[in-house]
Protein backbone atom coordinates (compact mmCIF):
# COMPACT_ATOMS: atom_id res chain seq x y z
CA MET A 1 -0.43 0.33 -0.48
CA GLU A 2 0.91 3.35 -1.31
CA PHE A 3 0.66 6.54 1.26
CA PRO A 4 1.49 9.70 -0.74
CA ASN A 5 -0.79 11.96 1.10
CA ILE A 6 1.02 10.94 4.65
CA ARG A 7 4.56 13.57 4.65
CA ILE A 8 7.39 12.77 6.61
CA VAL A 9 9.76 15.60 7.91
CA LEU A 10 13.28 15.55 9.83
CA VAL A 11 14.35 18.66 11.47
CA GLU A 12 17.93 20.22 11.42
CA PRO A 13 19.22 16.07 10.80
CA GLN A 14 22.43 15.75 11.29
CA GLY A 15 24.37 12.49 10.24
CA ALA A 16 23.98 11.84 6.68
CA LEU A 17 23.78 7.88 7.69
CA ASN A 18 20.10 8.32 9.75
CA ILE A 19 18.92 10.57 6.27
CA GLY A 20 19.14 7.35 4.58
CA SER A 21 18.01 5.27 6.70
CA VAL A 22 14.83 7.16 6.57
CA CYS A 23 14.78 6.80 3.21
CA ARG A 24 14.73 3.17 2.97
CA VAL A 25 12.30 2.73 5.36
CA MET A 26 9.98 4.82 3.83
CA LYS A 27 10.18 2.72 1.17
CA ASN A 28 9.86 0.06 3.37
CA PHE A 29 6.27 0.79 3.86
CA GLY A 30 5.07 2.93 0.70
CA PHE A 31 5.55 5.81 2.14
CA SER A 32 7.53 8.23 -0.11
CA ASP A 33 7.54 12.22 0.21
CA LEU A 34 9.91 13.26 2.93
CA ARG A 35 10.64 16.94 3.73
CA ILE A 36 14.13 18.05 5.73
CA VAL A 37 13.75 21.74 7.08
CA ASN A 38 17.82 22.73 7.61
CA PRO A 39 19.83 19.57 7.75
CA ARG A 40 23.50 19.50 9.41
CA VAL A 41 24.75 17.64 7.22
CA ASN A 42 24.36 16.93 3.03
CA HIS A 43 21.19 14.71 2.49
CA LEU A 44 22.94 13.43 -0.78
CA ASP A 45 26.32 12.22 -0.39
CA LYS A 46 27.52 8.94 -0.11
CA GLN A 47 26.36 7.35 3.22
CA ALA A 48 23.18 8.98 3.25
CA ARG A 49 22.47 7.09 -0.22
CA ASP A 50 24.42 4.01 0.30
CA MET A 51 22.09 3.57 2.92
CA ALA A 52 19.04 4.58 1.18
CA VAL A 53 20.00 1.88 -0.52
CA SER A 54 16.31 1.15 -3.49
CA ALA A 55 15.48 4.60 -2.32
CA LYS A 56 18.91 7.08 -3.84
CA ASP A 57 16.61 7.64 -6.84
CA THR A 58 13.67 7.79 -5.40
CA ILE A 59 13.06 9.25 -1.64
CA LEU A 60 16.02 10.84 -1.59
CA LYS A 61 17.20 12.11 -4.23
CA ASP A 62 13.06 13.83 -4.71
CA ALA A 63 14.01 15.24 -0.94
CA LYS A 64 12.93 18.71 -0.71
CA ILE A 65 14.97 21.26 1.25
CA TYR A 66 13.00 24.17 3.72
CA ASP A 67 14.10 26.83 6.05
CA SER A 68 11.63 26.11 8.11
CA LEU A 69 8.48 23.99 9.32
CA PRO A 70 6.09 26.41 9.22
CA ASP A 71 7.08 26.24 5.14
CA ALA A 72 7.21 22.62 5.80
CA LEU A 73 3.39 21.55 6.70
CA GLN A 74 2.30 23.89 4.33
CA GLY A 75 -0.82 22.01 3.01
CA CYS A 76 -1.42 19.40 6.12
CA HIS A 77 -4.73 19.40 7.97
CA TYR A 78 -3.18 17.14 11.29
CA VAL A 79 0.80 17.11 12.02
CA ILE A 80 2.07 14.57 15.08
CA GLY A 81 5.79 15.34 16.25
CA THR A 82 6.97 12.90 17.44
CA SER A 83 8.80 13.76 21.13
CA THR A 84 9.10 12.19 25.05
CA ARG A 85 8.55 15.66 26.22
CA HIS A 86 5.77 15.49 28.62
CA GLY A 87 4.86 18.81 30.12
CA LYS A 88 2.45 20.77 31.20
CA TYR A 89 1.09 21.97 27.46
CA ARG A 90 2.19 18.89 25.56
CA GLN A 91 -0.99 16.06 27.04
CA GLU A 92 -2.84 14.39 23.69
CA VAL A 93 0.24 11.85 23.38
CA LEU A 94 -0.62 9.34 21.23
CA GLU A 95 1.15 5.74 21.52
CA PRO A 96 2.99 4.74 18.41
CA GLU A 97 0.20 2.05 17.31
CA GLN A 98 -2.67 5.29 17.25
CA LEU A 99 -1.31 6.63 14.47
CA ALA A 100 -3.27 4.94 11.96
CA GLY A 101 -6.59 4.95 13.43
CA LYS A 102 -5.29 9.27 12.83
CA ARG A 103 -4.49 8.45 9.86
CA GLY A 104 -7.80 6.62 8.56
CA GLY A 105 -9.80 9.41 9.97
CA LEU A 106 -7.71 11.51 7.24
CA GLY A 107 -9.16 10.01 4.44
CA HIS A 108 -7.44 9.68 0.70
CA THR A 109 -7.29 13.14 0.18
CA MET A 110 -6.03 14.48 3.18
CA GLN A 111 -2.17 15.76 4.23
CA MET A 112 -0.94 14.84 7.65
CA GLY A 113 2.83 14.99 8.46
CA LEU A 114 4.75 12.82 11.07
CA VAL A 115 7.56 14.85 12.73
CA PHE A 116 11.19 14.73 13.36
CA GLY A 117 13.43 16.17 15.37
CA PRO A 118 16.96 16.80 15.91
CA GLU A 119 19.08 14.04 17.77
CA ASP A 120 20.39 16.04 19.99
CA HIS A 121 18.28 18.11 20.92
CA GLY A 122 14.40 17.03 19.50
CA LEU A 123 11.91 19.15 18.25
CA LYS A 124 11.44 22.31 20.43
CA THR A 125 8.55 23.78 21.99
CA ALA A 126 8.19 26.29 18.45
CA ASP A 127 7.90 22.92 16.60
CA LEU A 128 5.92 21.10 19.25
CA ASP A 129 2.89 23.93 19.39
CA LEU A 130 2.55 23.31 15.26
CA CYS A 131 1.82 19.58 16.03
CA ASP A 132 -1.85 18.78 16.42
CA SER A 133 -1.06 15.95 18.49
CA PHE A 134 2.22 14.13 20.14
CA VAL A 135 3.70 10.39 20.09
CA THR A 136 6.09 8.86 21.79
CA VAL A 137 7.50 5.12 22.31
CA ARG A 138 8.22 3.77 25.57
CA THR A 139 11.29 2.81 26.23
CA SER A 140 13.25 2.09 29.69
CA GLU A 141 13.80 4.32 32.25
CA SER A 142 17.73 3.47 31.07
CA LEU A 143 17.21 5.77 28.01
CA HIS A 144 14.41 7.34 26.42
CA SER A 145 16.07 8.73 23.15
CA LEU A 146 15.82 6.38 20.19
CA ASN A 147 17.59 6.81 17.26
CA LEU A 148 16.21 8.98 14.44
CA ALA A 149 15.58 5.96 12.46
CA GLN A 150 14.65 3.40 14.70
CA ALA A 151 12.26 5.65 15.82
CA ALA A 152 10.95 6.01 12.28
CA THR A 153 10.85 2.63 11.81
CA ILE A 154 8.30 1.67 15.14
CA CYS A 155 6.01 5.19 13.66
CA LEU A 156 6.96 3.64 10.01
CA TYR A 157 5.68 0.38 10.44
CA GLU A 158 2.43 1.56 12.70
CA LEU A 159 1.51 4.30 11.14
CA SER A 160 1.74 1.90 7.05
CA LYS A 161 -1.23 -0.79 9.19
CA ASP A 162 -4.50 -1.03 8.19
CA ALA A 163 -6.44 1.51 9.47
CA GLU A 164 -10.19 0.10 9.63
CA THR A 165 -8.75 -2.27 13.02
CA GLN A 166 -7.64 0.96 14.29
CA GLU A 167 -9.76 3.26 15.87
CA ILE A 168 -11.12 6.07 14.05
CA TYR A 169 -10.68 10.21 14.46
CA GLU A 170 -13.33 11.36 11.99
CA LEU A 171 -10.37 14.77 10.93
CA ARG A 172 -11.80 14.58 6.67
CA ASP A 173 -13.37 18.58 7.67
CA LYS A 174 -10.34 19.91 9.48
CA ALA A 175 -8.21 23.42 7.65
CA PRO A 176 -5.28 23.39 7.60
CA PHE A 177 -1.99 23.85 8.75
CA GLU A 178 -1.96 26.76 7.17
CA GLU A 179 -5.69 28.63 8.33
CA MET A 180 -5.06 27.29 11.87
CA GLU A 181 -1.29 29.04 11.86
CA GLU A 182 -3.02 32.20 10.57
CA MET A 183 -6.15 32.01 13.20
CA PHE A 184 -3.71 31.84 15.79
CA GLN A 185 -1.64 34.94 15.25
CA HIS A 186 -4.37 36.96 15.29
CA MET A 187 -5.86 35.47 18.56
CA LYS A 188 -2.01 36.16 19.94
CA GLU A 189 -2.24 40.31 18.21
CA ALA A 190 -5.89 40.62 19.24
CA LEU A 191 -5.43 38.86 22.93
CA GLY A 192 -2.09 41.60 22.80
CA LYS A 193 -3.94 44.07 22.22
CA ALA A 194 -6.41 43.46 24.94
CA ASN A 195 -3.47 43.21 27.51
CA TYR A 196 -4.93 39.65 28.47
CA LEU A 197 -1.57 38.58 27.72
CA ASN A 198 1.83 38.59 30.27
CA PRO A 199 4.26 40.53 27.96
CA GLN A 200 6.57 39.57 30.33
CA ASN A 201 5.82 36.21 28.97
CA PRO A 202 3.34 36.31 26.27
CA GLU A 203 2.92 32.58 25.12
CA HIS A 204 2.34 30.99 28.12
CA ILE A 205 -1.33 30.78 28.05
CA ILE A 206 -1.10 30.83 24.19
CA HIS A 207 -0.03 27.28 24.22
CA THR A 208 -2.79 26.65 26.14
CA TYR A 209 -5.07 28.05 23.63
CA ARG A 210 -3.37 26.27 21.16
CA ARG A 211 -3.91 22.92 22.82
CA ILE A 212 -7.35 23.33 22.92
CA PHE A 213 -7.85 24.07 19.30
CA SER A 214 -6.01 21.38 18.18
CA ARG A 215 -8.00 19.35 20.17
CA ALA A 216 -11.56 20.21 18.82
CA ASN A 217 -10.74 20.00 14.44
CA LEU A 218 -11.46 23.05 13.53
CA ASP A 219 -12.93 22.98 10.44
CA SER A 220 -12.12 26.18 7.69
CA ARG A 221 -15.78 27.89 8.20
CA GLU A 222 -15.75 27.20 12.50
CA VAL A 223 -11.79 29.04 11.60
CA ILE A 224 -13.07 31.87 9.92
CA ILE A 225 -15.47 32.70 13.04
CA LEU A 226 -12.83 32.62 15.46
CA HIS A 227 -11.11 35.28 12.82
CA GLY A 228 -14.70 37.39 13.31
CA LEU A 229 -14.38 37.27 17.18
CA TRP A 230 -10.87 37.60 17.06
CA SER A 231 -10.82 41.45 15.18
CA ARG A 232 -14.15 42.46 17.38
CA LEU A 233 -11.63 41.69 20.23
CA GLU A 234 -9.76 44.12 18.71
CA TYR A 235 -12.50 47.54 17.52
CA ALA A 236 -12.93 46.39 22.17
CA SER A 237 -10.06 47.10 22.77
CA LYS A 238 -9.66 49.57 20.79
CA HIS A 239 -12.48 52.03 21.35
CA VAL A 240 -14.19 50.14 23.88
CA PRO A 241 -13.13 52.45 27.66
CA ASP A 242 -11.29 50.71 30.02
């Protein structure tokens, strides 16, 4: 089975061997859309090509390079980040075996992004803010982190499974990534003008609102309605006396 509507995103990968290995496992399980954000190594060097094996002239060669994660996620309707960090803003943590259900909920036309962070420290908080949910591979307490290629193998194997045997999440009407990000930026501006945010740490409450609206799986119409709310709040902040 092939999954053309699933994109695999590597953020600042450091090792050519890992990049090549991810390409190989992508081909193993039917994934072909690889996007790399600010690679710290030449993704086409010999080590990467050797590890990619038969995927070197397809997935590796065709990989798209981006300057930022938001650029790589344009067009996505649902984004899953991989992380071992379970902070208070990251309650929606999936087990790998739930990935096929998420994929099944999208159908065949909507886009899903599965994002992996750098080998040394994983995804940053700003990167995780762009994700709708998170997946963690349970490991021993003695060593939490997995090698990038190993984590990709586990996740892509689970993601490729028959979704009919999984819990199906209804995501088919969800607004795409860029619409959600535009709405979040408008929300931040409106709440700032209303003096609702702490100017010393405005992201503190924004993190929580991101999680709330991500769980809601807003469609495009609902996003437009929220834009209207933020516009009204901006107007009120400007015209209503304190």
